Amino acid sequence: MTPTVLKKDTKELWREILFKLYASVPQSQFLTWFKNTAILEIEGQTVTLGVPTSISFNNIADKFLSVIQQASGEVLGQEACQIHLKIDGTLHRRDMRVIDIVRLARSAAKKGEENALAPTKAVGDISSTNTETEYASDAMPRVGPAYVDRTSISRHTLTNFIVGPENQLAYAACSAVSKAPGQAYNPLFIYGGVGLGKTHLMQATGNEIKARFPRKKILYVTSEKFTNELIQAIGNQKTADLRRKYRDIDVLMIDDIQFLANKQQTQMEFFHTFNELQQTKKQIIISSDRPPKELGGLEQRLISRFECGMIVDVQFPDVETRSAILRVKCKERGIYLSEEVIDFIAHNVHSSIRELEGVLNQAIALYELSQTTPTIKTIGPVIMKLNQNRSLQGYHYQNGPKVRATTLEEVMDAVSLFFHVSGDEMYGSSRKKEIALARQVVMHVAKTDLGQTYEKIGETLGGRLHSTVMHSCSKIANLMKKEEGFRRDINSIRLDLGLL
């Protein structure tokens, strides 16, 4: 017998399922992977879930299938609920089937805050000998300044660190240390190239430890600052104060240890600090741009101590992970980029996460200053400059001034590309929402920017009536006034056509 709950609309059912998923999936991953998803069909005990891209398909299949099955079973009233994933490239933010998960997440978070009268203690996997408060990782309180010597960067958490094959071991090690500082992997040595996330992992681990163990003293410092403080202490004859500062702590995180090379007195002081902390089972986390054996200019006794703990590397992420990082950062910065633009950036940035952020910052500048939604045409030149004008995948550079569009056919090509609707569909009689909207945009741009008459536009677009074209132009103009995002989209099309 089919449960009565199936009488509900599939969109409403998916909304209820998403509410349950929000409680069990880390927020950054929830916002990244469940964006633009929808229930396509429910037949018996099988739910067909539509996802917009192959990347979403793979990540949901690998990480979240079991929790989706459980949540779906609870909502649908079925003990054994099967989830069938299907890639549907037509799913996007304007699709009527799609739920605004940012708004849903805010609603779920607000509801959770109202229901949470007090912090909930959870049984973790931290040693039972520890008497400090333990928190469930998915119920972490907001973290204030986590370091004695430097204000924490609150956005750097293990939750918003995107895990891929290249950094999985480093993430797992940091996660273990955050649960049992001083017990698991001490010292922890993280190495990798510039801009690949070492500092993010270190500070995220510090934030996580501070959240789990609020009374622990945590110190994050760069090797340069450590050296400068030692020089100043020697000059002021306050080396004893410096030693107390660095040894009366529970967690020491020192960044870019390679800069201690050939600084003999600094190395000696750090060696004794290292020994003191390790003997008292205090956690030490170190980062470097290379593994211990390749650190020239460092004493062998220091290198041997670095090698006695856990050594993990952070490499440049693959294209799927780069895409995921961009999606998360877009959410953090409150900007929308289409899947095409995200994939374009991910395929053409090859050096560091910082370069990804640099391109994203340029996109935000375009978004804010020119009031346009970034497209491949506007982002392409930015990446070309970073790549020293080397050719880009999926982009053909046109030298010289941008040619202003003069025909309705040129407008149709640009709108077709932006909305993923073919020219034949716009010429046709289909009244599907996405096709009708694209057709109306063509009419509006042709009238407003090209100055074509209602009659000429209607005739070119399959013999449509003067009144129909007039209504469409008016509708688009009103939407642009009411919806900022839509106005940016239209401006992007106009920019690509040389009309802005």
Protein backbone atom coordinates (compact mmCIF):
# COMPACT_ATOMS: atom_id res chain seq x y z
CA MET A 1 0.00 0.00 0.00
CA THR A 2 1.35 3.41 -0.98
CA PRO A 3 1.88 5.71 2.04
CA THR A 4 -0.45 8.73 2.18
CA VAL A 5 2.59 11.00 2.46
CA LEU A 6 3.19 10.47 -1.25
CA LYS A 7 0.18 12.64 -1.95
CA LYS A 8 2.40 15.60 -1.14
CA ASP A 9 4.18 17.44 -3.92
CA THR A 10 7.66 16.00 -4.61
CA LYS A 11 9.20 19.42 -4.03
CA GLU A 12 7.63 19.62 -0.57
CA LEU A 13 8.81 16.08 0.22
CA TRP A 14 12.37 16.97 -0.83
CA ARG A 15 12.17 20.07 1.37
CA GLU A 16 11.31 17.89 4.40
CA ILE A 17 14.14 15.49 3.54
CA LEU A 18 16.61 18.38 3.21
CA PHE A 19 15.63 19.65 6.65
CA LYS A 20 16.59 16.26 8.08
CA LEU A 21 19.82 16.15 6.05
CA TYR A 22 20.85 19.58 7.33
CA ALA A 23 21.12 18.13 10.84
CA SER A 24 23.52 15.36 9.79
CA VAL A 25 25.60 16.88 6.95
CA PRO A 26 28.27 19.58 7.58
CA GLN A 27 26.86 22.94 6.49
CA SER A 28 29.50 23.75 3.86
CA GLN A 29 29.06 20.35 2.21
CA PHE A 30 25.27 20.62 2.47
CA LEU A 31 25.30 23.98 0.67
CA THR A 32 27.78 22.73 -1.94
CA TRP A 33 26.47 19.31 -2.93
CA PHE A 34 22.70 19.65 -2.44
CA LYS A 35 22.42 22.87 -4.41
CA ASN A 36 20.13 22.59 -7.48
CA THR A 37 18.94 19.08 -6.60
CA ALA A 38 15.35 17.88 -6.82
CA ILE A 39 13.22 14.75 -6.62
CA LEU A 40 12.41 13.80 -10.18
CA GLU A 41 10.18 10.82 -9.46
CA ILE A 42 8.93 8.55 -6.67
CA GLU A 43 7.86 5.07 -7.68
CA GLY A 44 7.16 2.56 -4.94
CA GLN A 45 10.17 2.49 -2.63
CA THR A 46 12.50 4.12 -5.17
CA VAL A 47 13.20 7.84 -5.14
CA THR A 48 14.88 9.26 -8.25
CA LEU A 49 16.97 12.22 -7.17
CA GLY A 50 18.15 14.66 -9.84
CA VAL A 51 21.59 16.28 -9.51
CA PRO A 52 22.95 19.00 -11.82
CA THR A 53 26.48 17.72 -12.58
CA SER A 54 28.63 14.59 -12.59
CA ILE A 55 30.70 16.09 -9.75
CA SER A 56 27.60 16.35 -7.57
CA PHE A 57 26.60 12.83 -8.60
CA ASN A 58 29.96 11.35 -7.56
CA ASN A 59 30.18 13.20 -4.24
CA ILE A 60 26.61 12.46 -3.19
CA ALA A 61 26.98 8.81 -4.21
CA ASP A 62 30.25 8.45 -2.28
CA LYS A 63 29.45 10.41 0.89
CA PHE A 64 25.75 10.96 1.45
CA LEU A 65 23.72 8.15 -0.08
CA SER A 66 23.10 6.35 3.22
CA VAL A 67 21.96 9.50 5.08
CA ILE A 68 19.66 10.41 2.17
CA GLN A 69 18.16 6.91 2.29
CA GLN A 70 17.56 7.19 6.03
CA ALA A 71 16.05 10.68 5.85
CA SER A 72 13.88 9.74 2.85
CA GLY A 73 12.62 6.63 4.62
CA GLU A 74 11.59 8.69 7.65
CA VAL A 75 9.75 11.29 5.56
CA LEU A 76 8.10 8.77 3.22
CA GLY A 77 7.23 6.34 6.00
CA GLN A 78 9.13 3.47 4.43
CA GLU A 79 11.64 1.23 6.17
CA ALA A 80 13.59 0.36 3.02
CA CYS A 81 13.89 3.38 0.75
CA GLN A 82 16.11 3.18 -2.35
CA ILE A 83 17.75 6.29 -3.84
CA HIS A 84 18.46 6.40 -7.56
CA LEU A 85 20.69 9.30 -8.61
CA LYS A 86 20.27 10.82 -12.06
CA ILE A 87 22.19 13.69 -13.68
CA ASP A 88 19.81 16.35 -14.97
CA GLY A 89 21.68 19.24 -16.56
CA THR A 90 18.50 21.35 -16.73
CA LEU A 91 18.41 21.77 -12.95
CA HIS A 92 19.45 25.30 -12.04
CA ARG A 93 18.50 27.98 -9.55
CA ARG A 94 15.49 29.20 -11.56
CA ASP A 95 14.02 25.73 -12.02
CA MET A 96 10.63 25.42 -10.31
CA ARG A 97 11.63 21.99 -8.99
CA VAL A 98 14.69 23.35 -7.16
CA ILE A 99 14.64 24.52 -3.53
CA ASP A 100 16.68 27.50 -2.32
CA ILE A 101 18.88 25.59 0.11
CA VAL A 102 20.58 28.74 1.41
CA ARG A 103 17.22 29.98 2.65
CA LEU A 104 16.35 26.49 3.89
CA ALA A 105 19.65 26.26 5.79
CA ARG A 106 19.00 29.62 7.47
CA SER A 107 15.53 28.46 8.46
CA ALA A 108 16.86 25.14 9.78
CA ALA A 109 19.62 26.88 11.73
CA LYS A 110 17.16 29.34 13.27
CA LYS A 111 14.84 26.51 14.25
CA GLY A 112 17.77 24.62 15.77
CA GLU A 113 18.78 27.66 17.83
CA GLU A 114 15.25 28.04 19.16
CA ASN A 115 15.14 24.38 20.18
CA ALA A 116 18.59 24.32 21.72
CA LEU A 117 18.16 25.48 25.30
CA ALA A 118 21.69 24.48 26.29
CA PRO A 119 24.86 22.98 24.72
CA THR A 120 24.54 19.24 24.29
CA LYS A 121 27.30 17.04 25.61
CA ALA A 122 28.25 14.19 23.33
CA VAL A 123 30.30 11.08 23.86
CA GLY A 124 33.33 11.56 21.64
CA ASP A 125 36.36 9.45 20.92
CA ILE A 126 38.62 11.63 23.10
CA SER A 127 40.35 9.88 25.94
CA SER A 128 38.11 9.46 28.96
CA THR A 129 40.87 10.78 31.17
CA ASN A 130 40.24 14.26 29.80
CA THR A 131 37.89 16.16 32.10
CA GLU A 132 37.18 19.10 29.76
CA THR A 133 33.90 19.67 27.96
CA GLU A 134 33.42 17.64 24.79
CA TYR A 135 31.15 18.74 21.97
CA ALA A 136 29.70 16.89 19.02
CA SER A 137 31.54 18.02 15.88
CA ASP A 138 28.33 18.93 14.09
CA ALA A 139 27.17 21.07 17.02
CA MET A 140 30.28 23.18 17.47
CA PRO A 141 29.74 26.52 19.18
CA ARG A 142 31.05 29.61 17.41
CA VAL A 143 34.73 30.02 18.12
CA GLY A 144 36.15 33.30 19.31
CA PRO A 145 39.87 34.13 19.30
CA ALA A 146 41.51 30.72 19.52
CA TYR A 147 45.16 31.69 19.84
CA VAL A 148 47.13 33.39 22.56
CA ASP A 149 49.18 35.38 20.06
CA ARG A 150 46.94 35.82 17.05
CA THR A 151 43.22 36.23 16.48
CA SER A 152 41.76 33.16 14.82
CA ILE A 153 40.40 33.29 11.30
CA SER A 154 36.92 31.99 12.11
CA ARG A 155 36.18 30.84 8.56
CA HIS A 156 39.10 28.42 8.76
CA THR A 157 37.49 25.27 10.13
CA LEU A 158 37.81 21.60 9.34
CA THR A 159 34.18 21.66 8.26
CA ASN A 160 34.76 24.16 5.45
CA PHE A 161 38.02 22.54 4.34
CA ILE A 162 37.25 20.70 1.10
CA VAL A 163 38.70 17.20 1.21
CA GLY A 164 40.04 15.57 -1.94
CA PRO A 165 42.39 12.67 -2.70
CA GLU A 166 45.41 14.99 -2.50
CA ASN A 167 44.79 16.16 1.07
CA GLN A 168 42.73 13.35 2.58
CA LEU A 169 45.51 12.04 4.84
CA ALA A 170 46.41 15.54 6.07
CA TYR A 171 42.76 16.24 6.86
CA ALA A 172 42.37 12.94 8.70
CA ALA A 173 45.50 13.61 10.77
CA CYS A 174 44.33 17.11 11.72
CA SER A 175 40.90 15.77 12.61
CA ALA A 176 42.47 13.15 14.88
CA VAL A 177 44.67 15.76 16.56
CA SER A 178 41.68 18.05 17.15
CA LYS A 179 39.95 15.24 19.05
CA ALA A 180 42.96 14.15 21.10
CA PRO A 181 45.63 16.88 21.21
CA GLY A 182 48.93 15.66 22.59
CA GLN A 183 47.89 12.03 22.22
CA ALA A 184 47.45 11.44 18.50
CA TYR A 185 50.25 12.27 16.05
CA ASN A 186 52.62 14.43 18.07
CA PRO A 187 54.30 16.26 16.44
CA LEU A 188 52.18 16.70 13.34
CA PHE A 189 54.26 17.93 10.40
CA ILE A 190 52.35 19.32 7.38
CA TYR A 191 54.22 20.19 4.20
CA GLY A 192 53.29 21.34 0.70
CA GLY A 193 53.70 24.11 -1.85
CA VAL A 194 52.65 27.73 -1.48
CA GLY A 195 48.92 28.43 -1.29
CA LEU A 196 47.71 24.84 -0.99
CA GLY A 197 45.97 25.07 2.39
CA LYS A 198 48.59 24.30 5.06
CA THR A 199 47.77 27.39 7.13
CA HIS A 200 44.05 26.71 6.71
CA LEU A 201 44.52 23.22 8.14
CA MET A 202 46.64 24.44 11.03
CA GLN A 203 44.28 27.23 12.07
CA ALA A 204 41.25 25.01 11.50
CA THR A 205 42.75 22.45 13.84
CA GLY A 206 43.35 25.19 16.41
CA ASN A 207 39.75 26.38 16.12
CA GLU A 208 38.49 22.83 16.47
CA ILE A 209 40.60 22.17 19.58
CA LYS A 210 39.46 25.45 21.13
CA ALA A 211 35.82 24.51 20.48
CA ARG A 212 36.22 21.07 22.06
CA PHE A 213 38.51 22.15 24.89
CA PRO A 214 37.80 25.81 25.73
CA ARG A 215 40.34 25.94 28.57
CA LYS A 216 43.32 24.86 26.48
CA LYS A 217 45.94 27.50 25.70
CA ILE A 218 46.68 27.53 21.99
CA LEU A 219 49.43 29.51 20.29
CA TYR A 220 49.78 30.02 16.54
CA VAL A 221 52.89 31.81 15.32
CA THR A 222 55.04 32.03 12.21
CA SER A 223 58.73 31.10 12.43
CA GLU A 224 59.60 34.69 11.49
CA LYS A 225 57.64 36.04 14.46
CA PHE A 226 59.21 33.46 16.75
CA THR A 227 62.67 34.63 15.60
CA ASN A 228 61.83 38.30 16.04
CA GLU A 229 60.45 37.72 19.52
CA LEU A 230 63.61 35.86 20.51
CA ILE A 231 65.83 38.68 19.23
CA GLN A 232 63.76 41.22 21.13
CA ALA A 233 63.80 39.11 24.31
CA ILE A 234 67.57 38.76 24.16
CA GLY A 235 67.95 42.50 23.64
CA ASN A 236 65.69 43.26 26.61
CA GLN A 237 67.12 40.45 28.72
CA LYS A 238 63.68 38.79 28.96
CA THR A 239 64.38 35.34 27.53
CA ALA A 240 62.87 33.77 30.66
CA ASP A 241 59.54 35.48 29.90
CA LEU A 242 59.69 34.25 26.32
CA ARG A 243 60.27 30.69 27.46
CA ARG A 244 57.32 30.83 29.85
CA LYS A 245 55.10 32.14 27.04
CA TYR A 246 55.99 29.31 24.68
CA ARG A 247 56.16 26.50 27.21
CA ASP A 248 53.14 27.28 29.36
CA ILE A 249 50.69 26.33 26.59
CA ASP A 250 48.82 23.22 25.47
CA VAL A 251 49.13 23.51 21.70
CA LEU A 252 51.92 25.16 19.70
CA MET A 253 51.44 25.72 15.97
CA ILE A 254 54.42 27.14 14.11
CA ASP A 255 54.05 28.04 10.43
CA ASP A 256 56.78 27.99 7.74
CA ILE A 257 59.46 26.27 9.82
CA GLN A 258 61.84 26.40 6.82
CA PHE A 259 62.59 30.06 7.65
CA LEU A 260 64.50 28.95 10.75
CA ALA A 261 67.26 27.76 8.40
CA ASN A 262 70.75 28.98 9.41
CA LYS A 263 69.42 30.77 12.51
CA GLN A 264 71.43 28.80 15.05
CA GLN A 265 70.33 30.50 18.27
CA THR A 266 66.67 30.48 17.23
CA GLN A 267 66.92 26.77 16.38
CA MET A 268 68.48 26.04 19.78
CA GLU A 269 65.68 27.86 21.61
CA PHE A 270 63.03 26.12 19.54
CA PHE A 271 64.72 22.74 20.11
CA HIS A 272 64.46 23.12 23.90
CA THR A 273 60.87 24.42 23.65
CA PHE A 274 59.99 21.46 21.44
CA ASN A 275 61.47 18.98 23.93
CA GLU A 276 59.68 20.59 26.89
CA LEU A 277 56.29 20.51 25.18
CA GLN A 278 56.67 16.99 23.86
CA GLN A 279 57.78 15.59 27.24
CA THR A 280 54.71 17.10 28.89
CA LYS A 281 52.47 15.68 26.12
CA LYS A 282 51.52 19.07 24.68
CA GLN A 283 50.55 19.11 21.00
CA ILE A 284 52.97 20.50 18.40
CA ILE A 285 51.90 21.23 14.81
CA ILE A 286 54.46 22.40 12.25
CA SER A 287 54.14 23.44 8.62
CA SER A 288 56.77 23.71 5.92
CA ASP A 289 57.11 23.96 2.16
CA ARG A 290 59.04 20.66 2.02
CA PRO A 291 59.46 17.43 4.02
CA PRO A 292 61.91 17.34 6.97
CA LYS A 293 64.69 15.53 5.07
CA GLU A 294 64.81 18.32 2.47
CA LEU A 295 65.06 21.17 4.98
CA GLY A 296 68.53 22.57 4.46
CA GLY A 297 70.13 24.74 7.13
CA LEU A 298 68.33 23.03 10.01
CA GLU A 299 70.11 21.04 12.71
CA GLN A 300 69.85 17.27 12.35
CA ARG A 301 68.50 16.92 15.89
CA LEU A 302 65.52 19.11 14.96
CA ILE A 303 64.87 17.18 11.77
CA SER A 304 64.96 13.87 13.64
CA ARG A 305 62.33 15.16 16.06
CA PHE A 306 60.09 16.31 13.23
CA GLU A 307 60.32 12.82 11.76
CA CYS A 308 59.31 11.06 14.98
CA GLY A 309 55.68 12.09 14.59
CA MET A 310 53.19 12.12 11.73
CA ILE A 311 54.29 13.64 8.40
CA VAL A 312 51.57 14.51 5.87
CA ASP A 313 51.63 16.44 2.62
CA VAL A 314 49.11 18.75 0.96
CA GLN A 315 49.13 18.71 -2.84
CA PHE A 316 47.36 20.79 -5.46
CA PRO A 317 43.75 19.52 -5.69
CA ASP A 318 42.29 17.89 -8.77
CA VAL A 319 39.73 19.67 -10.92
CA GLU A 320 36.71 18.21 -9.08
CA THR A 321 38.04 19.38 -5.73
CA ARG A 322 38.91 22.81 -7.18
CA SER A 323 35.31 23.13 -8.37
CA ALA A 324 34.04 22.19 -4.91
CA ILE A 325 36.36 24.76 -3.29
CA LEU A 326 35.01 27.47 -5.59
CA ARG A 327 31.42 26.58 -4.75
CA VAL A 328 32.09 26.79 -1.02
CA LYS A 329 33.92 30.12 -1.37
CA CYS A 330 31.09 31.48 -3.50
CA LYS A 331 28.67 30.61 -0.69
CA GLU A 332 30.93 32.23 1.87
CA ARG A 333 31.21 35.42 -0.22
CA GLY A 334 27.54 35.49 -1.20
CA ILE A 335 28.09 35.40 -4.96
CA TYR A 336 26.47 33.19 -7.58
CA LEU A 337 28.58 31.66 -10.35
CA SER A 338 27.11 29.32 -12.93
CA GLU A 339 28.35 25.74 -13.19
CA GLU A 340 29.98 26.60 -16.52
CA VAL A 341 32.01 29.45 -15.02
CA ILE A 342 33.04 27.39 -11.98
CA ASP A 343 34.18 24.50 -14.18
CA PHE A 344 35.98 26.92 -16.50
CA ILE A 345 37.95 28.45 -13.63
CA ALA A 346 38.70 25.05 -12.09
CA HIS A 347 40.07 23.68 -15.37
CA ASN A 348 42.28 26.68 -16.05
CA VAL A 349 43.86 27.47 -12.66
CA HIS A 350 46.86 25.23 -12.16
CA SER A 351 49.07 26.64 -9.42
CA SER A 352 47.44 27.25 -6.05
CA ILE A 353 44.26 27.75 -4.05
CA ARG A 354 45.27 31.38 -3.68
CA GLU A 355 45.10 31.78 -7.44
CA LEU A 356 41.59 30.33 -7.33
CA GLU A 357 40.68 32.94 -4.71
CA GLY A 358 42.31 35.66 -6.81
CA VAL A 359 40.16 34.80 -9.82
CA LEU A 360 37.10 34.63 -7.57
CA ASN A 361 37.92 38.10 -6.18
CA GLN A 362 38.07 39.41 -9.75
CA ALA A 363 34.69 37.82 -10.41
CA ILE A 364 33.28 39.51 -7.30
CA ALA A 365 34.68 42.84 -8.50
CA LEU A 366 32.90 42.36 -11.84
CA TYR A 367 29.76 41.34 -9.98
CA GLU A 368 29.77 44.41 -7.74
CA LEU A 369 31.28 47.15 -9.90
CA SER A 370 29.73 46.43 -13.28
CA GLN A 371 26.50 44.93 -11.92
CA THR A 372 26.93 41.84 -14.09
CA THR A 373 26.89 38.12 -13.46
CA PRO A 374 30.38 36.77 -14.34
CA THR A 375 30.59 34.70 -17.53
CA ILE A 376 33.35 32.78 -19.30
CA LYS A 377 33.85 35.76 -21.64
CA THR A 378 34.46 38.15 -18.73
CA ILE A 379 36.51 35.76 -16.57
CA GLY A 380 38.65 34.46 -19.46
CA PRO A 381 40.86 37.58 -19.79
CA VAL A 382 41.47 37.56 -16.02
CA ILE A 383 42.84 34.02 -16.06
CA MET A 384 44.81 34.70 -19.23
CA LYS A 385 46.73 37.45 -17.43
CA LEU A 386 47.53 35.07 -14.58
CA ASN A 387 48.57 32.39 -17.09
CA GLN A 388 50.75 34.88 -18.98
CA ASN A 389 48.41 34.85 -22.00
CA ARG A 390 48.64 31.09 -22.54
CA SER A 391 45.61 29.57 -24.22
CA LEU A 392 42.76 28.47 -21.97
CA GLN A 393 40.58 25.40 -22.15
CA GLY A 394 37.10 26.35 -23.34
CA TYR A 395 37.94 29.97 -24.22
CA HIS A 396 38.95 31.66 -27.46
CA TYR A 397 40.51 35.09 -27.01
CA GLN A 398 39.44 37.77 -29.46
CA ASN A 399 41.94 40.59 -29.83
CA GLY A 400 40.84 44.13 -30.55
CA PRO A 401 37.82 46.16 -29.43
CA LYS A 402 34.56 44.40 -28.69
CA VAL A 403 32.17 44.61 -31.65
CA ARG A 404 28.72 45.92 -30.79
CA ALA A 405 25.89 43.57 -31.74
CA THR A 406 23.49 44.95 -34.33
CA THR A 407 21.15 42.07 -35.19
CA LEU A 408 18.50 40.11 -33.35
CA GLU A 409 20.25 36.89 -34.39
CA GLU A 410 23.36 37.92 -32.43
CA VAL A 411 21.18 38.61 -29.40
CA MET A 412 19.55 35.20 -29.75
CA ASP A 413 22.96 33.48 -29.86
CA ALA A 414 24.08 35.20 -26.64
CA VAL A 415 20.80 34.52 -24.81
CA SER A 416 20.80 30.92 -26.03
CA LEU A 417 24.29 30.39 -24.63
CA PHE A 418 23.47 32.02 -21.29
CA PHE A 419 20.14 30.27 -20.67
CA HIS A 420 21.01 26.95 -22.36
CA VAL A 421 18.03 27.23 -24.67
CA SER A 422 18.38 26.59 -28.39
CA GLY A 423 17.44 29.12 -31.05
CA ASP A 424 14.94 26.69 -32.54
CA GLU A 425 13.15 26.49 -29.18
CA MET A 426 12.88 30.28 -29.01
CA TYR A 427 11.52 30.42 -32.55
CA GLY A 428 9.03 27.70 -31.67
CA SER A 429 5.76 27.76 -29.75
CA SER A 430 6.88 26.09 -26.50
CA ARG A 431 5.65 27.81 -23.34
CA LYS A 432 8.04 26.09 -20.96
CA LYS A 433 9.13 28.62 -18.36
CA GLU A 434 12.85 28.61 -19.19
CA ILE A 435 12.22 28.84 -22.96
CA ALA A 436 9.59 31.57 -22.60
CA LEU A 437 11.89 33.60 -20.32
CA ALA A 438 14.80 33.38 -22.76
CA ARG A 439 12.53 34.43 -25.63
CA GLN A 440 11.27 37.42 -23.63
CA VAL A 441 14.86 38.47 -22.83
CA VAL A 442 15.67 38.45 -26.56
CA MET A 443 12.66 40.69 -27.20
CA HIS A 444 13.64 43.10 -24.41
CA VAL A 445 17.27 43.47 -25.51
CA ALA A 446 16.31 43.80 -29.17
CA LYS A 447 13.85 46.58 -28.32
CA THR A 448 15.84 48.40 -25.62
CA ASP A 449 19.38 48.17 -27.00
CA LEU A 450 18.96 47.63 -30.73
CA GLY A 451 15.93 49.90 -31.08
CA GLN A 452 13.99 47.41 -33.19
CA THR A 453 10.23 47.79 -33.49
CA TYR A 454 7.73 45.47 -31.81
CA GLU A 455 6.51 44.41 -35.24
CA LYS A 456 10.03 43.55 -36.51
CA ILE A 457 10.85 41.57 -33.37
CA GLY A 458 7.59 39.64 -33.49
CA GLU A 459 8.03 38.87 -37.16
CA THR A 460 11.60 37.58 -36.67
CA LEU A 461 10.58 35.43 -33.69
CA GLY A 462 8.07 33.29 -35.55
CA GLY A 463 5.37 35.81 -36.38
CA ARG A 464 4.39 36.83 -32.84
CA LEU A 465 1.87 39.59 -32.23
CA HIS A 466 2.83 43.20 -31.51
CA SER A 467 1.00 43.01 -28.14
CA THR A 468 2.88 39.83 -27.16
CA VAL A 469 6.26 41.46 -27.74
CA MET A 470 5.20 44.60 -25.88
CA HIS A 471 4.04 42.53 -22.87
CA SER A 472 7.30 40.53 -22.86
CA CYS A 473 9.46 43.67 -22.90
CA SER A 474 7.45 45.16 -20.05
CA LYS A 475 7.70 41.96 -18.01
CA ILE A 476 11.49 41.77 -18.35
CA ALA A 477 11.87 45.45 -17.45
CA ASN A 478 9.82 44.91 -14.28
CA LEU A 479 11.80 41.80 -13.33
CA MET A 480 15.05 43.72 -13.71
CA LYS A 481 13.73 46.40 -11.34
CA LYS A 482 12.59 43.89 -8.72
CA GLU A 483 15.31 41.21 -8.84
CA GLU A 484 18.94 42.27 -8.55
CA GLY A 485 20.30 38.86 -9.62
CA PHE A 486 18.17 38.84 -12.75
CA ARG A 487 19.29 42.38 -13.62
CA ARG A 488 22.93 41.26 -13.32
CA ASP A 489 22.22 38.33 -15.65
CA ILE A 490 20.74 40.58 -18.31
CA ASN A 491 23.64 43.01 -17.95
CA SER A 492 26.06 40.11 -18.49
CA ILE A 493 24.34 39.26 -21.76
CA ARG A 494 24.44 42.92 -22.81
CA LEU A 495 28.13 43.12 -21.86
CA ASP A 496 28.95 40.07 -23.98
CA LEU A 497 27.12 41.71 -26.90
CA GLY A 498 29.05 44.97 -26.51
CA LEU A 499 25.84 46.77 -25.54
CA LEU A 500 26.93 47.82 -22.05
